[in-house]
N, C-alpha and C. Protein backbone atom coordinates (compact mmCIF):
# COMPACT_ATOMS: atom_id res chain seq x y z
N MET A 1 17.30 17.12 -35.27
CA MET A 1 16.27 18.17 -34.76
C MET A 1 15.21 17.35 -34.55
N ILE A 2 14.56 16.35 -35.24
CA ILE A 2 13.14 16.00 -35.30
C ILE A 2 13.25 14.89 -33.84
N PHE A 3 14.52 14.09 -33.69
CA PHE A 3 14.85 13.61 -33.09
C PHE A 3 14.80 13.76 -31.76
N GLN A 4 15.68 15.04 -31.68
CA GLN A 4 15.21 15.57 -29.96
C GLN A 4 14.15 16.16 -29.79
N ALA A 5 13.16 16.60 -30.67
CA ALA A 5 11.84 16.60 -30.19
C ALA A 5 10.82 15.74 -30.54
N LEU A 6 11.43 14.45 -30.62
CA LEU A 6 10.41 13.18 -30.29
C LEU A 6 11.05 12.64 -29.26
N TYR A 7 12.66 12.84 -28.80
CA TYR A 7 12.58 12.28 -27.72
C TYR A 7 12.18 13.44 -26.65
N GLN A 8 12.02 14.67 -26.32
CA GLN A 8 11.05 15.37 -25.56
C GLN A 8 10.32 14.90 -25.15
N ARG A 9 9.24 15.08 -26.40
CA ARG A 9 7.97 14.33 -26.15
C ARG A 9 7.68 13.46 -25.30
N GLU A 10 8.17 12.43 -25.54
CA GLU A 10 8.37 10.83 -25.03
C GLU A 10 8.58 10.72 -23.74
N ARG A 11 9.74 11.85 -23.35
CA ARG A 11 10.23 12.51 -22.32
C ARG A 11 9.54 12.75 -21.02
N ASP A 12 8.88 13.55 -21.41
CA ASP A 12 7.90 14.53 -21.07
C ASP A 12 6.40 13.79 -20.82
N ASP A 13 5.92 12.77 -21.69
CA ASP A 13 4.79 11.77 -21.45
C ASP A 13 5.32 10.95 -20.42
N ALA A 14 6.62 10.24 -20.65
CA ALA A 14 6.59 9.12 -19.33
C ALA A 14 6.68 9.98 -17.94
N ARG A 15 7.31 10.71 -17.88
CA ARG A 15 7.44 12.01 -16.59
C ARG A 15 6.12 11.62 -16.07
N GLU A 16 4.80 12.10 -16.96
CA GLU A 16 3.80 12.68 -16.57
C GLU A 16 2.67 11.13 -15.68
N ARG A 17 3.10 10.09 -16.59
CA ARG A 17 2.57 8.82 -16.39
C ARG A 17 3.49 8.15 -14.99
N ALA A 18 4.87 8.61 -14.59
CA ALA A 18 5.16 8.20 -13.60
C ALA A 18 5.20 8.95 -12.42
N VAL A 19 4.41 10.33 -12.40
CA VAL A 19 3.98 11.13 -11.46
C VAL A 19 2.36 10.63 -11.32
N THR A 20 1.61 10.67 -12.28
CA THR A 20 0.24 10.01 -11.78
C THR A 20 0.31 8.31 -11.30
N GLU A 21 1.32 7.71 -11.46
CA GLU A 21 1.33 6.38 -10.87
C GLU A 21 1.95 6.58 -9.71
N ALA A 22 2.75 7.52 -9.47
CA ALA A 22 3.69 7.80 -8.05
C ALA A 22 2.35 7.98 -7.07
N LEU A 23 1.29 8.66 -7.35
CA LEU A 23 0.38 9.68 -6.57
C LEU A 23 -0.42 8.43 -6.12
N GLU A 24 -0.54 7.53 -6.31
CA GLU A 24 -1.61 6.02 -6.29
C GLU A 24 -0.84 5.78 -4.78
N HIS A 25 -0.01 5.95 -4.54
CA HIS A 25 0.80 5.48 -3.56
C HIS A 25 1.41 6.21 -2.70
N PHE A 26 1.03 7.46 -2.89
CA PHE A 26 1.64 8.61 -1.83
C PHE A 26 0.95 9.84 -1.43
N SER A 27 0.74 10.27 -0.51
CA SER A 27 0.01 11.48 -0.39
C SER A 27 0.24 12.50 0.47
N ARG A 28 0.29 13.58 -0.25
CA ARG A 28 0.98 14.86 0.45
C ARG A 28 0.29 14.88 1.83
N CYS A 29 1.15 15.89 2.55
CA CYS A 29 1.10 16.12 3.98
C CYS A 29 0.49 17.84 3.96
N PRO A 30 -0.64 18.02 4.85
CA PRO A 30 -1.02 19.30 4.43
C PRO A 30 -0.25 20.09 5.09
N ILE A 31 0.41 19.52 6.44
CA ILE A 31 1.42 20.67 6.69
C ILE A 31 2.12 20.79 6.76
N CYS A 32 3.51 19.71 6.09
CA CYS A 32 4.77 19.99 5.77
C CYS A 32 5.06 20.15 4.36
N ARG A 33 3.92 19.21 3.58
CA ARG A 33 3.85 19.43 1.85
C ARG A 33 4.54 18.48 1.28
N ARG A 34 5.37 17.48 2.57
CA ARG A 34 6.08 16.56 1.89
C ARG A 34 5.25 15.27 1.28
N LEU A 35 5.84 14.51 0.32
CA LEU A 35 4.89 13.44 0.04
C LEU A 35 5.53 12.24 1.13
N ALA A 36 4.54 11.30 1.32
CA ALA A 36 4.50 10.29 2.80
C ALA A 36 3.85 9.00 1.33
N CYS A 37 4.74 7.97 1.67
CA CYS A 37 4.04 7.14 1.39
C CYS A 37 2.79 6.29 2.33
N ASP A 38 2.33 5.06 1.63
CA ASP A 38 0.82 4.85 2.50
C ASP A 38 1.34 4.20 4.14
N ARG A 39 2.46 4.05 4.59
CA ARG A 39 3.08 3.23 5.60
C ARG A 39 3.35 4.50 6.69
N CYS A 40 3.62 5.58 6.20
CA CYS A 40 4.02 6.95 6.76
C CYS A 40 2.80 7.98 6.80
N PHE A 41 1.71 7.99 5.99
CA PHE A 41 0.75 8.95 5.89
C PHE A 41 -0.47 8.44 6.90
N LEU A 42 -0.60 9.29 7.76
CA LEU A 42 -1.84 8.81 8.99
C LEU A 42 -3.04 9.37 8.96
N LEU A 43 -4.33 8.34 8.84
CA LEU A 43 -5.68 9.39 8.68
C LEU A 43 -6.07 9.33 10.03
N GLY A 44 -6.40 10.62 10.44
CA GLY A 44 -6.74 10.75 11.84
C GLY A 44 -8.08 11.08 12.05
N GLU A 45 -8.46 11.36 13.29
CA GLU A 45 -9.57 11.60 13.11
C GLU A 45 -10.01 13.08 12.93
N ASP A 46 -9.25 14.29 13.36
CA ASP A 46 -8.98 15.40 13.10
C ASP A 46 -8.44 15.97 11.79
N ILE A 47 -6.97 15.23 11.40
CA ILE A 47 -6.67 15.78 10.77
C ILE A 47 -5.80 14.42 9.80
N ASP A 48 -5.33 14.38 8.46
CA ASP A 48 -4.92 13.37 7.90
C ASP A 48 -3.14 13.93 7.64
N LEU A 49 -2.16 13.28 7.88
CA LEU A 49 -1.09 13.88 7.96
C LEU A 49 0.22 12.96 7.76
N CYS A 50 1.41 13.24 7.82
CA CYS A 50 2.25 12.19 7.79
C CYS A 50 3.33 12.11 9.14
N ALA A 51 3.47 10.88 9.23
CA ALA A 51 3.76 10.46 10.58
C ALA A 51 4.63 11.31 11.12
N ASP A 52 5.94 12.51 10.63
CA ASP A 52 6.58 13.20 11.31
C ASP A 52 5.73 14.32 12.02
N CYS A 53 4.93 14.67 11.03
CA CYS A 53 3.83 16.13 11.54
C CYS A 53 3.09 15.53 12.62
N ALA A 54 2.72 14.01 12.75
CA ALA A 54 1.96 14.03 14.14
C ALA A 54 2.22 13.97 15.01
N ALA A 55 3.65 13.14 14.82
CA ALA A 55 4.60 13.04 16.27
C ALA A 55 4.59 14.34 16.78
N PHE A 56 5.40 14.89 15.99
CA PHE A 56 4.95 16.62 16.39
C PHE A 56 4.20 17.45 17.03
N LEU A 57 2.68 17.10 16.08
CA LEU A 57 1.54 17.70 16.76
C LEU A 57 1.15 16.78 17.78
N GLN A 58 1.81 15.70 18.11
CA GLN A 58 0.86 15.07 19.56
C GLN A 58 0.07 14.29 18.72
N GLU A 59 -0.72 13.59 17.46
CA GLU A 59 -1.70 13.52 16.97
C GLU A 59 -1.82 11.97 16.79
N SER A 60 -2.94 11.38 16.66
CA SER A 60 -2.60 10.01 16.45
C SER A 60 -3.31 9.48 15.20
N GLY A 61 -3.37 8.18 14.49
CA GLY A 61 -4.23 8.16 13.63
C GLY A 61 -3.20 6.74 13.19
N GLU A 62 -4.12 6.41 11.86
CA GLU A 62 -3.73 4.84 11.48
C GLU A 62 -3.37 5.02 10.21
N SER A 63 -2.44 4.37 9.70
CA SER A 63 -1.60 4.46 8.66
C SER A 63 -2.59 4.16 7.62
N VAL A 64 -2.30 4.76 6.57
CA VAL A 64 -3.09 4.07 5.09
C VAL A 64 -3.12 2.65 5.00
N GLU A 65 -1.46 1.99 4.75
CA GLU A 65 -1.31 0.84 4.77
C GLU A 65 -1.86 -0.29 5.72
N SER A 66 -2.25 0.14 6.90
CA SER A 66 -2.74 -0.73 7.64
C SER A 66 -4.08 -0.71 7.34
N LEU A 67 -5.13 0.10 6.96
CA LEU A 67 -6.16 0.25 6.49
C LEU A 67 -6.17 -0.52 5.47
N LEU A 68 -5.59 -0.50 4.34
CA LEU A 68 -5.86 -1.30 3.35
C LEU A 68 -5.55 -2.63 3.34
N VAL A 69 -5.02 -3.18 4.21
CA VAL A 69 -4.45 -4.59 4.70
C VAL A 69 -5.99 -5.06 5.66
N LYS A 70 -6.56 -4.75 5.96
CA LYS A 70 -7.42 -4.47 6.92
C LYS A 70 -8.89 -4.85 5.97
N ASN A 71 -8.90 -3.85 5.25
CA ASN A 71 -10.11 -3.86 4.22
C ASN A 71 -9.70 -4.80 3.09
N GLY A 72 -8.29 -5.53 2.78
CA GLY A 72 -8.53 -6.54 1.72
C GLY A 72 -7.89 -5.69 0.75
């Protein structure tokens, strides 16, 4: 019983750390609400969104990844 409680707490803590770390590399699209990696998330003049929604809405922007590379 004690082992189960400790395991569950450690599992919950590990999950929380993983989510926090993942959010450093992913962004949530305000249109479709999906998570997009830095390569697929675009920073536009009017709105920041994923590449799929940008293509559908005919919006343009630069990926987060390319901006990170440019800025070192």
